[in-house]
Amino acid sequence: MYKAIENYTLMAGYSYNENPIKESEVLFNILAPAVIQNHITAGVTRKISEDSDLTLAFMYALNNSVKGANPLEAPGQQSIEISMRQWQIEVGYSFCLIK
């Protein structure tokens, strides 16, 4: 986080993770192809008052894929590839009720 201008805070981040799905498990993850390894994030928060903030954030998960054999077919007959890429925009408002 970086306090850029009075009442504004800038945020940026990067995340890396090993691929959570092995090539041998591709068939079982067709409905939930969570193969993301890299995320890039950025955001800005503006202090509206002493007790409230407004935040705008953005996340991009870079495209990744995994390819593996279909265990229900004869070896070498069919392969399956799953991939995923994500975008996310977040708008948030926070406030404090207790002093």
C-alpha atoms as a PDB file:
ATOM      1  CA  MET A   1       0.000   0.000   0.000  1.00  0.00           C
ATOM      2  CA  TYR A   2       1.123   3.506  -0.718  1.00  0.00           C
ATOM      3  CA  LYS A   3      -0.429   6.732   0.553  1.00  0.00           C
ATOM      4  CA  ALA A   4      -0.273   8.785  -2.662  1.00  0.00           C
ATOM      5  CA  ILE A   5      -2.260  11.921  -1.985  1.00  0.00           C
ATOM      6  CA  GLU A   6      -4.058  13.027   1.141  1.00  0.00           C
ATOM      7  CA  ASN A   7      -7.140  10.806   1.666  1.00  0.00           C
ATOM      8  CA  TYR A   8      -6.047   8.297  -1.046  1.00  0.00           C
ATOM      9  CA  THR A   9      -4.262   4.957  -0.631  1.00  0.00           C
ATOM     10  CA  LEU A  10      -2.990   2.976  -3.642  1.00  0.00           C
ATOM     11  CA  MET A  11      -2.629  -0.818  -3.532  1.00  0.00           C
ATOM     12  CA  ALA A  12      -0.985  -3.299  -5.888  1.00  0.00           C
ATOM     13  CA  GLY A  13      -0.071  -6.956  -5.658  1.00  0.00           C
ATOM     14  CA  TYR A  14       1.035 -10.092  -7.403  1.00  0.00           C
ATOM     15  CA  SER A  15       0.427 -13.701  -6.375  1.00  0.00           C
ATOM     16  CA  TYR A  16       1.970 -16.917  -7.661  1.00  0.00           C
ATOM     17  CA  ASN A  17       0.906 -20.455  -6.776  1.00  0.00           C
ATOM     18  CA  GLU A  18       1.814 -23.913  -7.989  1.00  0.00           C
ATOM     19  CA  ASN A  19      -0.853 -25.403 -10.244  1.00  0.00           C
ATOM     20  CA  PRO A  20      -3.361 -27.104  -7.897  1.00  0.00           C
ATOM     21  CA  ILE A  21      -4.552 -29.663 -10.485  1.00  0.00           C
ATOM     22  CA  LYS A  22      -2.346 -32.512 -11.662  1.00  0.00           C
ATOM     23  CA  GLU A  23      -2.464 -33.816 -15.235  1.00  0.00           C
ATOM     24  CA  SER A  24      -3.898 -37.099 -13.908  1.00  0.00           C
ATOM     25  CA  GLU A  25      -6.884 -35.269 -12.319  1.00  0.00           C
ATOM     26  CA  VAL A  26      -8.045 -33.183 -15.291  1.00  0.00           C
ATOM     27  CA  LEU A  27     -11.245 -35.179 -15.895  1.00  0.00           C
ATOM     28  CA  PHE A  28     -12.471 -34.649 -12.333  1.00  0.00           C
ATOM     29  CA  ASN A  29     -11.974 -30.876 -12.525  1.00  0.00           C
ATOM     30  CA  ILE A  30     -13.897 -30.107 -15.722  1.00  0.00           C
ATOM     31  CA  LEU A  31     -16.699 -28.356 -13.798  1.00  0.00           C
ATOM     32  CA  ALA A  32     -14.279 -26.379 -11.612  1.00  0.00           C
ATOM     33  CA  PRO A  33     -11.118 -25.776 -13.655  1.00  0.00           C
ATOM     34  CA  ALA A  34      -9.246 -23.874 -10.940  1.00  0.00           C
ATOM     35  CA  VAL A  35      -5.862 -23.912 -12.666  1.00  0.00           C
ATOM     36  CA  ILE A  36      -4.903 -20.276 -12.044  1.00  0.00           C
ATOM     37  CA  GLN A  37      -1.290 -19.705 -11.023  1.00  0.00           C
ATOM     38  CA  ASN A  38      -0.766 -15.926 -11.384  1.00  0.00           C
ATOM     39  CA  HIS A  39      -2.918 -13.037 -10.088  1.00  0.00           C
ATOM     40  CA  ILE A  40      -2.302  -9.313 -10.565  1.00  0.00           C
ATOM     41  CA  THR A  41      -4.227  -6.867  -8.377  1.00  0.00           C
ATOM     42  CA  ALA A  42      -4.569  -3.091  -8.071  1.00  0.00           C
ATOM     43  CA  GLY A  43      -6.829  -0.748  -6.175  1.00  0.00           C
ATOM     44  CA  VAL A  44      -7.398   2.643  -4.662  1.00  0.00           C
ATOM     45  CA  THR A  45      -9.115   3.657  -1.418  1.00  0.00           C
ATOM     46  CA  ARG A  46     -10.439   7.150  -0.723  1.00  0.00           C
ATOM     47  CA  LYS A  47     -11.135   8.251   2.811  1.00  0.00           C
ATOM     48  CA  ILE A  48     -14.547   9.930   2.649  1.00  0.00           C
ATOM     49  CA  SER A  49     -14.735  10.908   6.301  1.00  0.00           C
ATOM     50  CA  GLU A  50     -13.028   9.998   9.561  1.00  0.00           C
ATOM     51  CA  ASP A  51     -15.219   6.886   9.777  1.00  0.00           C
ATOM     52  CA  SER A  52     -15.739   5.782   6.157  1.00  0.00           C
ATOM     53  CA  ASP A  53     -13.795   4.693   3.064  1.00  0.00           C
ATOM     54  CA  LEU A  54     -14.652   3.946  -0.547  1.00  0.00           C
ATOM     55  CA  THR A  55     -12.532   1.331  -2.359  1.00  0.00           C
ATOM     56  CA  LEU A  56     -12.223   0.347  -6.023  1.00  0.00           C
ATOM     57  CA  ALA A  57     -10.139  -2.764  -6.773  1.00  0.00           C
ATOM     58  CA  PHE A  58      -9.292  -4.850  -9.814  1.00  0.00           C
ATOM     59  CA  MET A  59      -7.932  -8.407 -10.151  1.00  0.00           C
ATOM     60  CA  TYR A  60      -6.756 -10.234 -13.260  1.00  0.00           C
ATOM     61  CA  ALA A  61      -5.882 -13.925 -13.082  1.00  0.00           C
ATOM     62  CA  LEU A  62      -3.688 -14.801 -16.050  1.00  0.00           C
ATOM     63  CA  ASN A  63      -4.769 -17.610 -18.347  1.00  0.00           C
ATOM     64  CA  ASN A  64      -3.451 -21.069 -17.515  1.00  0.00           C
ATOM     65  CA  SER A  65      -4.313 -24.559 -18.702  1.00  0.00           C
ATOM     66  CA  VAL A  66      -3.656 -28.200 -17.860  1.00  0.00           C
ATOM     67  CA  LYS A  67      -3.832 -31.089 -20.301  1.00  0.00           C
ATOM     68  CA  GLY A  68      -4.100 -34.727 -19.335  1.00  0.00           C
ATOM     69  CA  ALA A  69      -5.321 -38.106 -20.517  1.00  0.00           C
ATOM     70  CA  ASN A  70      -8.934 -39.209 -20.090  1.00  0.00           C
ATOM     71  CA  PRO A  71      -8.710 -42.108 -17.604  1.00  0.00           C
ATOM     72  CA  LEU A  72     -12.021 -43.538 -18.881  1.00  0.00           C
ATOM     73  CA  GLU A  73     -10.653 -44.112 -22.417  1.00  0.00           C
ATOM     74  CA  ALA A  74      -7.951 -46.432 -23.699  1.00  0.00           C
ATOM     75  CA  PRO A  75      -4.458 -44.980 -23.088  1.00  0.00           C
ATOM     76  CA  GLY A  76      -3.482 -42.389 -25.691  1.00  0.00           C
ATOM     77  CA  GLN A  77      -6.952 -42.155 -27.287  1.00  0.00           C
ATOM     78  CA  GLN A  78      -8.281 -38.949 -25.762  1.00  0.00           C
ATOM     79  CA  SER A  79      -6.822 -36.046 -23.877  1.00  0.00           C
ATOM     80  CA  ILE A  80      -8.630 -33.315 -21.986  1.00  0.00           C
ATOM     81  CA  GLU A  81      -7.516 -29.707 -21.598  1.00  0.00           C
ATOM     82  CA  ILE A  82      -8.993 -27.323 -19.047  1.00  0.00           C
ATOM     83  CA  SER A  83      -8.153 -23.641 -18.778  1.00  0.00           C
ATOM     84  CA  MET A  84      -9.220 -20.582 -16.852  1.00  0.00           C
ATOM     85  CA  ARG A  85      -8.745 -16.802 -16.889  1.00  0.00           C
ATOM     86  CA  GLN A  86     -10.573 -14.415 -14.558  1.00  0.00           C
ATOM     87  CA  TRP A  87     -11.352 -10.712 -14.203  1.00  0.00           C
ATOM     88  CA  GLN A  88     -12.781  -9.156 -11.071  1.00  0.00           C
ATOM     89  CA  ILE A  89     -13.831  -5.607 -10.228  1.00  0.00           C
ATOM     90  CA  GLU A  90     -14.752  -4.743  -6.674  1.00  0.00           C
ATOM     91  CA  VAL A  91     -16.410  -1.664  -5.252  1.00  0.00           C
ATOM     92  CA  GLY A  92     -16.517  -1.446  -1.484  1.00  0.00           C
ATOM     93  CA  TYR A  93     -17.712   0.915   1.182  1.00  0.00           C
ATOM     94  CA  SER A  94     -16.563   0.573   4.781  1.00  0.00           C
ATOM     95  CA  PHE A  95     -17.646   2.460   7.848  1.00  0.00           C
ATOM     96  CA  CYS A  96     -17.250   2.328  11.610  1.00  0.00           C
ATOM     97  CA  LEU A  97     -20.302   2.429  13.859  1.00  0.00           C
ATOM     98  CA  ILE A  98     -18.506   2.167  17.202  1.00  0.00           C
ATOM     99  CA  LYS A  99     -16.276   4.911  18.533  1.00  0.00           C
END
